[in-house]
N, C-alpha and C. Protein backbone atom coordinates (compact mmCIF):
# COMPACT_ATOMS: atom_id res chain seq x y z
N MET A 1 0.32 2.39 95.17
CA MET A 1 0.40 0.65 94.03
C MET A 1 -0.09 0.21 96.22
N ASP A 2 -0.44 -1.48 96.01
CA ASP A 2 0.21 -2.31 97.06
C ASP A 2 0.21 -3.18 96.99
N TRP A 3 1.43 -3.93 98.11
CA TRP A 3 2.59 -4.60 97.43
C TRP A 3 1.72 -5.57 97.02
N TYR A 4 0.28 -6.43 96.62
CA TYR A 4 0.01 -7.05 96.00
C TYR A 4 0.44 -7.32 94.97
N SER A 5 0.10 -5.86 94.02
CA SER A 5 0.54 -5.48 92.76
C SER A 5 1.72 -5.54 92.55
N THR A 6 2.49 -4.92 93.45
CA THR A 6 4.20 -4.55 92.99
C THR A 6 4.64 -5.64 92.84
N ILE A 7 4.03 -7.29 93.99
CA ILE A 7 5.18 -8.57 93.81
C ILE A 7 4.19 -8.62 92.47
N PHE A 8 3.05 -9.13 92.20
CA PHE A 8 2.76 -9.81 90.65
C PHE A 8 3.39 -8.73 89.14
N GLU A 9 3.94 -7.32 89.44
CA GLU A 9 4.75 -7.27 88.29
C GLU A 9 5.73 -7.72 88.30
N LEU A 10 6.58 -7.27 90.47
CA LEU A 10 7.79 -7.83 89.80
C LEU A 10 7.78 -9.19 89.19
N ILE A 11 7.00 -10.54 89.98
CA ILE A 11 7.65 -11.67 89.76
C ILE A 11 6.66 -12.11 88.00
N ASP A 12 6.76 -12.12 87.30
CA ASP A 12 5.68 -12.38 85.82
C ASP A 12 4.41 -13.66 86.95
N MET A 13 3.30 -14.06 86.44
CA MET A 13 2.91 -14.53 87.32
C MET A 13 2.31 -15.89 85.80
N ARG A 14 2.39 -15.70 84.51
CA ARG A 14 1.98 -16.58 83.46
C ARG A 14 3.12 -17.53 83.26
N SER A 15 2.15 -18.49 83.15
CA SER A 15 2.97 -19.29 83.33
C SER A 15 4.12 -19.97 81.47
N PHE A 16 3.68 -19.69 81.20
CA PHE A 16 5.01 -19.86 79.35
C PHE A 16 5.77 -18.81 80.02
N SER A 17 6.03 -18.21 80.75
CA SER A 17 7.02 -17.06 80.89
C SER A 17 7.82 -17.06 82.27
N ASN A 18 7.35 -18.78 83.32
CA ASN A 18 7.81 -18.32 84.03
C ASN A 18 8.43 -19.31 83.86
N LEU A 19 9.73 -19.53 85.05
CA LEU A 19 10.28 -20.10 84.55
C LEU A 19 10.64 -21.65 85.39
N TRP A 20 9.97 -21.38 86.67
CA TRP A 20 9.28 -22.76 86.99
C TRP A 20 8.38 -24.20 86.63
N TYR A 21 7.97 -23.17 85.67
CA TYR A 21 7.19 -24.30 84.76
C TYR A 21 8.15 -24.76 83.49
N TRP A 22 8.83 -24.23 82.85
CA TRP A 22 9.92 -25.03 82.39
C TRP A 22 11.09 -25.77 82.70
N ILE A 23 11.19 -25.38 84.22
CA ILE A 23 12.01 -26.49 84.84
C ILE A 23 11.31 -28.16 85.65
N ALA A 24 10.04 -27.38 85.54
CA ALA A 24 9.11 -28.49 85.86
C ALA A 24 8.71 -29.59 84.42
N LEU A 25 8.69 -29.15 83.35
CA LEU A 25 8.88 -29.81 82.17
C LEU A 25 9.76 -30.72 82.25
N ALA A 26 11.36 -30.27 82.04
CA ALA A 26 12.32 -30.75 82.36
C ALA A 26 12.72 -31.44 82.77
N VAL A 27 11.57 -31.23 84.27
CA VAL A 27 11.67 -32.47 85.23
C VAL A 27 11.08 -33.44 84.63
N LEU A 28 9.70 -33.52 84.44
CA LEU A 28 8.61 -33.96 83.86
C LEU A 28 9.45 -35.20 82.93
N TRP A 29 9.85 -35.14 81.77
CA TRP A 29 10.76 -35.39 80.67
C TRP A 29 12.19 -35.89 80.92
N SER A 30 12.91 -35.36 81.52
CA SER A 30 14.16 -36.41 82.42
C SER A 30 13.30 -37.50 83.21
N THR A 31 12.78 -37.29 84.22
CA THR A 31 11.99 -38.53 84.62
C THR A 31 11.66 -39.73 84.40
N ALA A 32 10.34 -39.10 83.11
CA ALA A 32 9.69 -40.62 82.37
C ALA A 32 10.67 -41.10 81.04
N SER A 33 11.74 -40.88 80.87
CA SER A 33 12.96 -41.65 79.75
C SER A 33 14.01 -41.91 80.74
N HIS A 34 13.81 -41.68 82.58
CA HIS A 34 14.28 -42.17 83.00
C HIS A 34 13.53 -43.61 83.98
N TRP A 35 13.38 -43.55 84.39
CA TRP A 35 11.77 -44.39 84.03
C TRP A 35 10.48 -44.94 83.63
N VAL A 36 11.33 -46.06 83.27
CA VAL A 36 10.44 -46.98 82.13
C VAL A 36 9.61 -47.91 83.01
N MET A 37 8.04 -48.04 82.62
CA MET A 37 7.54 -48.84 83.34
C MET A 37 8.01 -49.50 84.39
N GLY A 38 8.16 -48.42 85.36
CA GLY A 38 7.98 -48.14 86.74
C GLY A 38 9.80 -48.11 86.74
N VAL A 39 10.67 -49.25 85.89
CA VAL A 39 11.51 -49.50 86.14
C VAL A 39 12.87 -48.67 85.83
N PRO A 40 13.71 -48.24 86.93
CA PRO A 40 14.94 -47.24 86.14
C PRO A 40 15.58 -47.80 85.71
N TYR A 41 15.97 -47.06 84.73
CA TYR A 41 17.06 -47.80 83.32
C TYR A 41 18.16 -47.81 83.36
N ASP A 42 18.97 -47.34 84.54
CA ASP A 42 20.06 -48.33 84.83
C ASP A 42 19.92 -49.20 85.62
N LEU A 43 18.89 -49.66 85.98
CA LEU A 43 19.23 -51.35 86.05
C LEU A 43 19.35 -51.96 85.19
N VAL A 44 18.59 -51.94 84.47
CA VAL A 44 18.50 -52.04 82.71
C VAL A 44 19.86 -52.12 82.55
N VAL A 45 20.86 -51.62 82.38
CA VAL A 45 22.21 -50.79 81.55
C VAL A 45 23.17 -51.93 82.83
N ARG A 46 23.04 -51.85 83.83
CA ARG A 46 23.39 -52.52 85.20
C ARG A 46 22.97 -54.05 84.75
N ALA A 47 22.63 -54.59 84.25
CA ALA A 47 21.69 -56.35 84.55
C ALA A 47 22.11 -56.44 83.03
N ARG A 48 22.57 -56.08 82.20
CA ARG A 48 23.22 -56.31 80.73
C ARG A 48 24.25 -56.54 81.12
N ARG A 49 25.05 -55.70 81.82
CA ARG A 49 26.47 -55.01 81.79
C ARG A 49 27.24 -56.88 82.82
N VAL A 50 26.14 -56.19 84.17
CA VAL A 50 26.64 -57.19 85.41
C VAL A 50 26.32 -58.19 85.05
N GLY A 51 25.14 -58.57 85.00
CA GLY A 51 24.35 -59.88 85.26
C GLY A 51 24.51 -60.59 86.30
N GLY A 52 24.37 -61.63 86.68
CA GLY A 52 23.26 -62.26 88.28
C GLY A 52 22.54 -61.66 88.79
N GLN A 53 22.80 -60.60 90.25
CA GLN A 53 21.32 -60.38 90.89
C GLN A 53 20.71 -59.33 90.52
N ALA A 54 21.69 -58.43 89.60
CA ALA A 54 21.09 -57.59 88.73
C ALA A 54 20.01 -57.92 87.83
N GLU A 55 20.21 -58.67 87.43
CA GLU A 55 19.97 -59.74 85.96
C GLU A 55 18.08 -60.18 86.46
N THR A 56 18.63 -60.97 88.18
CA THR A 56 17.01 -61.58 88.66
C THR A 56 16.55 -60.29 89.30
N ASP A 57 17.51 -58.75 89.61
CA ASP A 57 16.24 -57.95 89.76
C ASP A 57 15.57 -57.14 88.90
N LEU A 58 16.01 -57.28 87.59
CA LEU A 58 15.66 -56.40 86.78
C LEU A 58 14.53 -57.76 86.51
N LEU A 59 14.30 -58.77 85.72
CA LEU A 59 13.41 -59.66 85.60
C LEU A 59 12.30 -59.67 87.37
N ASP A 60 12.93 -59.38 88.60
CA ASP A 60 11.67 -59.43 88.98
C ASP A 60 10.49 -58.21 89.26
N ILE A 61 11.62 -57.02 89.08
CA ILE A 61 11.14 -55.76 89.21
C ILE A 61 10.03 -55.40 87.95
N VAL A 62 10.62 -56.44 86.76
CA VAL A 62 9.62 -56.33 85.59
C VAL A 62 8.38 -56.56 85.61
N ARG A 63 8.33 -57.58 86.16
CA ARG A 63 7.69 -58.86 85.89
C ARG A 63 6.46 -58.61 86.78
N ILE A 64 7.58 -57.53 88.23
CA ILE A 64 6.00 -56.93 88.77
C ILE A 64 5.29 -55.21 88.47
N ASN A 65 6.05 -55.25 87.74
CA ASN A 65 5.47 -53.71 87.49
C ASN A 65 4.29 -54.07 86.26
N THR A 66 4.88 -55.05 85.23
CA THR A 66 4.14 -55.95 84.49
C THR A 66 2.86 -56.26 84.38
N ASN A 67 2.61 -57.15 86.45
CA ASN A 67 1.28 -57.52 86.73
C ASN A 67 -0.17 -56.34 87.11
N ARG A 68 1.10 -55.34 87.78
CA ARG A 68 0.73 -54.12 88.38
C ARG A 68 0.12 -53.11 87.06
N ILE A 69 0.91 -53.06 86.47
CA ILE A 69 0.21 -52.49 85.44
C ILE A 69 -0.86 -52.43 84.95
N LEU A 70 -0.68 -53.84 84.54
CA LEU A 70 -2.32 -55.19 84.05
C LEU A 70 -2.78 -54.43 84.39
N TYR A 71 -3.10 -55.18 85.35
CA TYR A 71 -4.28 -55.78 86.90
C TYR A 71 -5.12 -53.88 86.77
N ILE A 72 -4.01 -52.77 87.05
CA ILE A 72 -4.66 -51.16 86.82
C ILE A 72 -5.48 -51.42 85.78
N ALA A 73 -4.79 -51.58 84.52
CA ALA A 73 -5.72 -51.38 83.19
C ALA A 73 -6.75 -51.76 83.40
N ASP A 74 -6.43 -53.53 83.60
CA ASP A 74 -7.77 -54.64 83.54
C ASP A 74 -9.50 -54.06 84.33
N VAL A 75 -8.50 -53.90 85.88
CA VAL A 75 -9.62 -53.26 86.99
C VAL A 75 -10.61 -51.81 87.25
N SER A 76 -9.84 -51.00 86.08
CA SER A 76 -10.14 -49.70 86.70
C SER A 76 -9.43 -48.25 85.37
N GLY A 77 -9.24 -49.19 83.71
CA GLY A 77 -9.09 -48.74 82.30
C GLY A 77 -9.81 -47.82 82.04
N VAL A 78 -10.77 -48.18 82.11
CA VAL A 78 -12.39 -47.44 80.81
C VAL A 78 -12.82 -46.58 82.22
N VAL A 79 -12.46 -46.58 84.05
CA VAL A 79 -12.96 -45.05 84.75
C VAL A 79 -12.16 -44.20 83.97
N ILE A 80 -10.13 -44.89 84.73
CA ILE A 80 -9.05 -43.48 84.42
C ILE A 80 -9.78 -43.05 82.93
N LEU A 81 -9.91 -43.63 81.63
CA LEU A 81 -10.19 -43.43 80.94
C LEU A 81 -10.88 -42.20 80.49
N ALA A 82 -12.45 -42.35 81.18
CA ALA A 82 -13.38 -41.55 80.77
C ALA A 82 -13.12 -40.39 81.70
N LEU A 83 -12.21 -40.47 82.86
CA LEU A 83 -11.64 -39.24 83.79
C LEU A 83 -10.84 -38.39 83.27
N CYS A 84 -9.80 -38.94 82.25
CA CYS A 84 -8.74 -38.67 81.42
C CYS A 84 -9.37 -37.17 79.98
N CYS A 85 -10.17 -38.34 79.81
CA CYS A 85 -10.89 -37.40 78.57
C CYS A 85 -11.67 -36.44 79.08
N PHE A 86 -12.31 -36.41 80.06
CA PHE A 86 -13.10 -35.25 80.75
C PHE A 86 -11.98 -34.28 81.35
N LEU A 87 -11.18 -34.48 81.43
CA LEU A 87 -9.72 -33.91 81.98
C LEU A 87 -9.38 -32.78 80.80
N PHE A 88 -9.03 -34.00 80.09
CA PHE A 88 -8.50 -33.03 78.56
C PHE A 88 -9.15 -32.26 77.86
N ALA A 89 -10.72 -32.99 77.93
CA ALA A 89 -11.46 -31.79 77.41
C ALA A 89 -11.74 -30.56 78.00
N GLY A 90 -11.81 -30.53 79.51
CA GLY A 90 -12.41 -29.16 79.78
C GLY A 90 -10.43 -27.90 79.98
N LEU A 91 -9.73 -29.08 79.99
CA LEU A 91 -8.52 -28.27 80.04
C LEU A 91 -7.81 -27.43 78.86
N ALA A 92 -8.29 -28.45 77.22
CA ALA A 92 -8.21 -27.85 76.18
C ALA A 92 -9.62 -27.42 75.92
N THR A 93 -10.82 -27.33 76.53
CA THR A 93 -11.86 -26.10 75.78
C THR A 93 -10.75 -24.76 76.70
N LEU A 94 -10.93 -24.94 77.73
CA LEU A 94 -10.64 -23.75 79.32
C LEU A 94 -9.57 -23.08 78.53
N GLY A 95 -8.31 -24.27 77.87
CA GLY A 95 -7.02 -23.41 77.87
C GLY A 95 -6.65 -22.94 76.13
N PHE A 96 -7.32 -23.25 75.60
CA PHE A 96 -7.44 -23.00 73.55
C PHE A 96 -8.44 -22.60 73.04
N TYR A 97 -9.70 -22.53 73.90
CA TYR A 97 -10.91 -21.74 73.34
C TYR A 97 -11.25 -20.73 74.26
N TYR A 98 -10.90 -20.58 75.84
CA TYR A 98 -11.39 -19.53 76.30
C TYR A 98 -10.05 -18.94 77.15
N GLN A 99 -8.95 -19.79 75.96
CA GLN A 99 -7.35 -18.46 76.30
C GLN A 99 -7.23 -18.26 77.70
N VAL A 100 -7.18 -19.37 78.40
CA VAL A 100 -7.23 -19.44 79.67
C VAL A 100 -5.43 -20.78 79.68
N GLU A 101 -4.30 -19.36 79.74
CA GLU A 101 -3.23 -20.23 80.32
C GLU A 101 -2.44 -20.90 80.49
N PHE A 102 -2.87 -20.75 81.79
CA PHE A 102 -2.80 -22.13 82.47
C PHE A 102 -2.67 -23.67 82.26
N ALA A 103 -4.31 -23.41 81.96
CA ALA A 103 -5.02 -24.98 81.26
C ALA A 103 -3.87 -25.09 79.80
N GLN A 104 -3.61 -23.82 79.35
CA GLN A 104 -2.74 -24.38 78.27
C GLN A 104 -1.50 -25.38 78.82
N ALA A 105 -0.98 -24.69 79.38
CA ALA A 105 0.15 -24.99 80.40
C ALA A 105 0.18 -26.37 80.60
N VAL A 106 -0.77 -26.25 81.97
CA VAL A 106 -1.19 -28.19 82.65
C VAL A 106 -1.72 -29.02 81.12
N PHE A 107 -2.07 -28.52 80.16
CA PHE A 107 -2.50 -29.46 79.01
C PHE A 107 -1.27 -30.05 78.79
N LEU A 108 0.01 -29.25 77.77
CA LEU A 108 0.51 -29.31 77.14
C LEU A 108 1.64 -29.85 78.03
N LEU A 109 1.49 -30.27 79.77
CA LEU A 109 2.08 -30.77 80.63
C LEU A 109 1.92 -32.27 80.26
N LEU A 110 0.69 -32.43 80.41
CA LEU A 110 -0.06 -34.02 80.72
C LEU A 110 -0.75 -34.50 79.87
N PHE A 111 -1.26 -33.93 78.82
CA PHE A 111 -1.16 -34.91 77.43
C PHE A 111 -0.60 -35.86 77.03
N PRO A 112 1.12 -34.96 76.52
CA PRO A 112 1.89 -36.37 76.19
C PRO A 112 2.24 -37.19 77.21
N MET A 113 1.93 -37.11 78.17
CA MET A 113 2.20 -38.79 78.92
C MET A 113 0.94 -39.03 78.87
N VAL A 114 -0.18 -39.27 78.82
CA VAL A 114 -1.16 -40.37 78.10
C VAL A 114 -0.10 -41.10 77.66
N LEU A 115 0.08 -40.48 76.14
CA LEU A 115 1.11 -41.32 75.40
C LEU A 115 1.76 -42.05 76.03
N VAL A 116 2.79 -41.63 76.22
CA VAL A 116 3.65 -42.47 77.24
C VAL A 116 2.80 -43.44 78.05
N GLY A 117 1.97 -43.24 78.54
CA GLY A 117 0.84 -44.34 79.80
C GLY A 117 0.97 -45.14 78.57
N ALA A 118 0.49 -45.11 77.22
CA ALA A 118 -0.19 -45.87 76.92
C ALA A 118 0.45 -46.91 75.82
N ASN A 119 1.98 -46.43 75.82
CA ASN A 119 2.69 -47.21 75.00
C ASN A 119 3.84 -48.17 76.22
N SER A 120 3.73 -47.17 77.26
CA SER A 120 4.06 -48.17 78.39
C SER A 120 3.23 -49.68 78.60
N LEU A 121 1.68 -49.44 79.04
CA LEU A 121 0.50 -50.32 78.51
C LEU A 121 1.24 -51.60 77.54
N ARG A 122 0.97 -51.02 76.67
CA ARG A 122 1.43 -51.55 75.18
C ARG A 122 2.04 -52.33 75.42
N VAL A 123 3.52 -51.55 76.48
CA VAL A 123 4.22 -52.77 75.57
C VAL A 123 4.17 -54.16 77.00
N ALA A 124 3.93 -53.36 78.33
CA ALA A 124 3.30 -54.20 79.80
C ALA A 124 2.13 -55.63 78.37
N ARG A 125 1.61 -55.58 78.00
CA ARG A 125 1.00 -55.98 77.53
C ARG A 125 1.80 -56.94 76.61
N ASN A 126 2.26 -56.96 75.52
CA ASN A 126 3.89 -57.59 75.24
C ASN A 126 4.48 -58.53 75.69
N LEU A 127 5.03 -58.00 76.61
CA LEU A 127 6.01 -58.60 78.10
C LEU A 127 5.21 -60.01 78.53
N ARG A 128 3.47 -59.55 78.41
CA ARG A 128 3.18 -60.88 79.32
C ARG A 128 3.36 -61.65 78.62
N ARG A 129 3.04 -61.38 77.16
CA ARG A 129 2.67 -62.68 76.46
C ARG A 129 3.75 -63.50 76.04
N GLN A 130 4.97 -62.89 76.42
CA GLN A 130 7.08 -63.99 76.36
C GLN A 130 7.35 -64.32 77.59
N ALA A 131 8.07 -65.09 77.39
CA ALA A 131 8.85 -65.85 78.26
C ALA A 131 9.73 -64.35 78.78
N LEU A 132 10.14 -64.06 79.86
CA LEU A 132 11.13 -63.06 80.35
C LEU A 132 12.81 -63.18 80.79
N THR A 133 13.01 -62.53 78.97
CA THR A 133 14.65 -63.34 79.70
C THR A 133 15.31 -61.75 79.87
N ILE A 134 16.25 -61.81 79.64
CA ILE A 134 16.76 -60.27 80.29
C ILE A 134 17.39 -59.50 78.44
N GLU A 135 17.23 -60.22 77.81
CA GLU A 135 17.48 -59.72 76.20
C GLU A 135 16.29 -59.09 75.60
N GLY A 136 14.77 -60.10 75.79
CA GLY A 136 14.25 -59.80 75.76
C GLY A 136 13.37 -58.63 76.51
N VAL A 137 13.37 -58.47 77.55
CA VAL A 137 13.39 -57.63 78.15
C VAL A 137 13.80 -55.64 78.06
N SER A 138 15.96 -56.49 78.15
CA SER A 138 16.13 -55.02 77.91
C SER A 138 15.73 -54.50 76.87
N LYS A 139 15.09 -55.28 75.58
CA LYS A 139 15.30 -54.68 74.24
C LYS A 139 13.86 -54.18 74.24
N ALA A 140 13.31 -54.77 74.96
CA ALA A 140 10.97 -53.78 75.21
C ALA A 140 11.41 -52.49 75.86
N LEU A 141 12.71 -52.78 76.92
CA LEU A 141 12.08 -51.74 77.56
C LEU A 141 13.36 -50.46 76.87
N HIS A 142 14.33 -50.44 76.06
CA HIS A 142 14.76 -49.76 75.43
C HIS A 142 14.39 -49.34 74.10
N ARG A 143 12.92 -49.78 74.24
CA ARG A 143 12.37 -49.58 72.45
C ARG A 143 11.39 -48.28 73.64
N CYS A 144 11.37 -49.24 74.36
CA CYS A 144 9.83 -48.18 75.17
C CYS A 144 10.66 -46.77 76.01
N ARG A 145 11.95 -47.37 76.10
CA ARG A 145 12.48 -45.88 76.38
C ARG A 145 12.28 -44.67 75.49
N LEU A 146 13.01 -45.60 74.43
CA LEU A 146 13.01 -44.32 72.79
C LEU A 146 11.76 -44.31 72.72
N ALA A 147 10.60 -44.32 72.74
CA ALA A 147 9.53 -43.65 72.00
C ALA A 147 9.36 -42.77 72.96
N THR A 148 9.47 -43.23 74.29
CA THR A 148 9.39 -41.61 75.50
C THR A 148 9.83 -40.67 74.76
N GLN A 149 11.25 -41.00 75.11
CA GLN A 149 12.35 -40.14 74.24
C GLN A 149 11.58 -38.90 73.00
N VAL A 150 11.06 -39.80 72.43
CA VAL A 150 10.57 -39.47 70.73
C VAL A 150 9.60 -38.63 71.05
N ILE A 151 8.76 -39.32 71.78
CA ILE A 151 7.38 -38.33 72.65
C ILE A 151 7.83 -37.47 72.83
N GLY A 152 8.71 -37.38 73.70
CA GLY A 152 9.23 -36.52 74.41
C GLY A 152 9.95 -35.02 74.14
N MET A 153 10.14 -35.39 72.63
CA MET A 153 11.16 -34.16 72.06
C MET A 153 9.95 -33.60 71.07
N PHE A 154 8.99 -34.39 70.73
CA PHE A 154 7.66 -33.84 70.45
C PHE A 154 7.23 -32.84 71.51
N ALA A 155 6.70 -33.11 72.48
CA ALA A 155 6.48 -32.59 73.33
C ALA A 155 6.69 -31.43 73.37
N ILE A 156 8.14 -31.17 73.86
CA ILE A 156 8.93 -29.93 74.47
C ILE A 156 9.61 -28.96 73.02
N LEU A 157 8.74 -29.65 71.94
CA LEU A 157 8.75 -29.13 71.04
C LEU A 157 7.65 -27.96 70.54
N VAL A 158 6.57 -28.80 71.03
CA VAL A 158 5.04 -28.35 70.83
C VAL A 158 5.05 -27.03 71.73
N THR A 159 5.33 -27.40 73.03
CA THR A 159 5.03 -26.62 74.51
C THR A 159 6.20 -25.28 73.81
N SER A 160 7.26 -26.07 73.56
CA SER A 160 8.25 -23.99 73.90
C SER A 160 7.51 -23.34 72.88
N MET A 161 7.44 -24.00 71.19
CA MET A 161 7.14 -22.88 69.67
C MET A 161 5.15 -22.32 70.67
N TRP A 162 4.55 -23.05 71.57
CA TRP A 162 3.54 -22.63 71.70
C TRP A 162 3.79 -21.50 72.98
N GLY A 163 4.37 -22.17 73.86
CA GLY A 163 4.52 -20.99 74.61
C GLY A 163 5.70 -19.46 74.14
N MET A 164 6.39 -20.17 73.31
CA MET A 164 6.90 -18.02 72.45
C MET A 164 6.23 -17.54 71.99
N TYR A 165 4.96 -18.38 71.35
CA TYR A 165 4.50 -17.84 70.89
C TYR A 165 2.72 -16.92 71.78
N GLN A 166 2.44 -17.56 72.77
CA GLN A 166 2.18 -16.74 73.73
C GLN A 166 2.55 -15.64 74.54
N ASN A 167 4.64 -15.79 74.74
CA ASN A 167 4.77 -14.87 75.16
C ASN A 167 5.17 -13.23 74.65
N LEU A 168 5.55 -13.84 72.92
CA LEU A 168 5.24 -12.60 71.85
C LEU A 168 4.07 -12.04 71.95
N SER A 169 3.52 -12.92 71.89
CA SER A 169 1.58 -11.84 71.06
C SER A 169 0.82 -11.36 72.93
N ILE A 170 1.68 -12.06 73.56
CA ILE A 170 0.59 -11.40 74.79
C ILE A 170 2.23 -9.83 75.23
N GLY A 171 3.25 -10.05 75.04
CA GLY A 171 4.02 -9.25 75.46
C GLY A 171 4.66 -8.92 76.41
N VAL A 172 6.02 -8.52 76.10
CA VAL A 172 6.78 -7.63 77.75
C VAL A 172 5.85 -7.01 78.82
N LEU A 173 4.89 -6.04 78.18
CA LEU A 173 4.45 -5.76 79.35
C LEU A 173 2.87 -6.20 79.34
N GLY A 174 2.86 -6.56 78.75
CA GLY A 174 1.29 -7.78 79.15
C GLY A 174 0.12 -6.99 77.87
């Protein structure tokens, strides 16, 4: 037996049984729920509590990120949509039709983030239509964060159920 086979027997290289995959999933959703539309949520909380400079900073960063998100969507939204459709169709086909576990894992990581991005785009469009006040902005970002967390809960549930199914069906010995 060569060293390559020994290492691959010692370290399971399948996605759903790999600890690093689950750590990446947790970090992805923790980061997504903290950075709402590119704005750190602790800034929203601090602006509501303290006011003053924190409030001004929050309104400025929300205005900047709203304009940035809407500019990207207006200029290259169709191209991004086409590339995402191509990527996810390929990942879904490879993963769920051809049973490539790595493609399944990547699909289950990235596809829910499209929903988070669409929600951020919707909130940005709503914020563009209204005057930026601390009450309106904090309420919109709180709802956006709540929606992100709900999407994350369902994504983690589906991913963990699919991962457990994969691990049980493949078995310990492969």
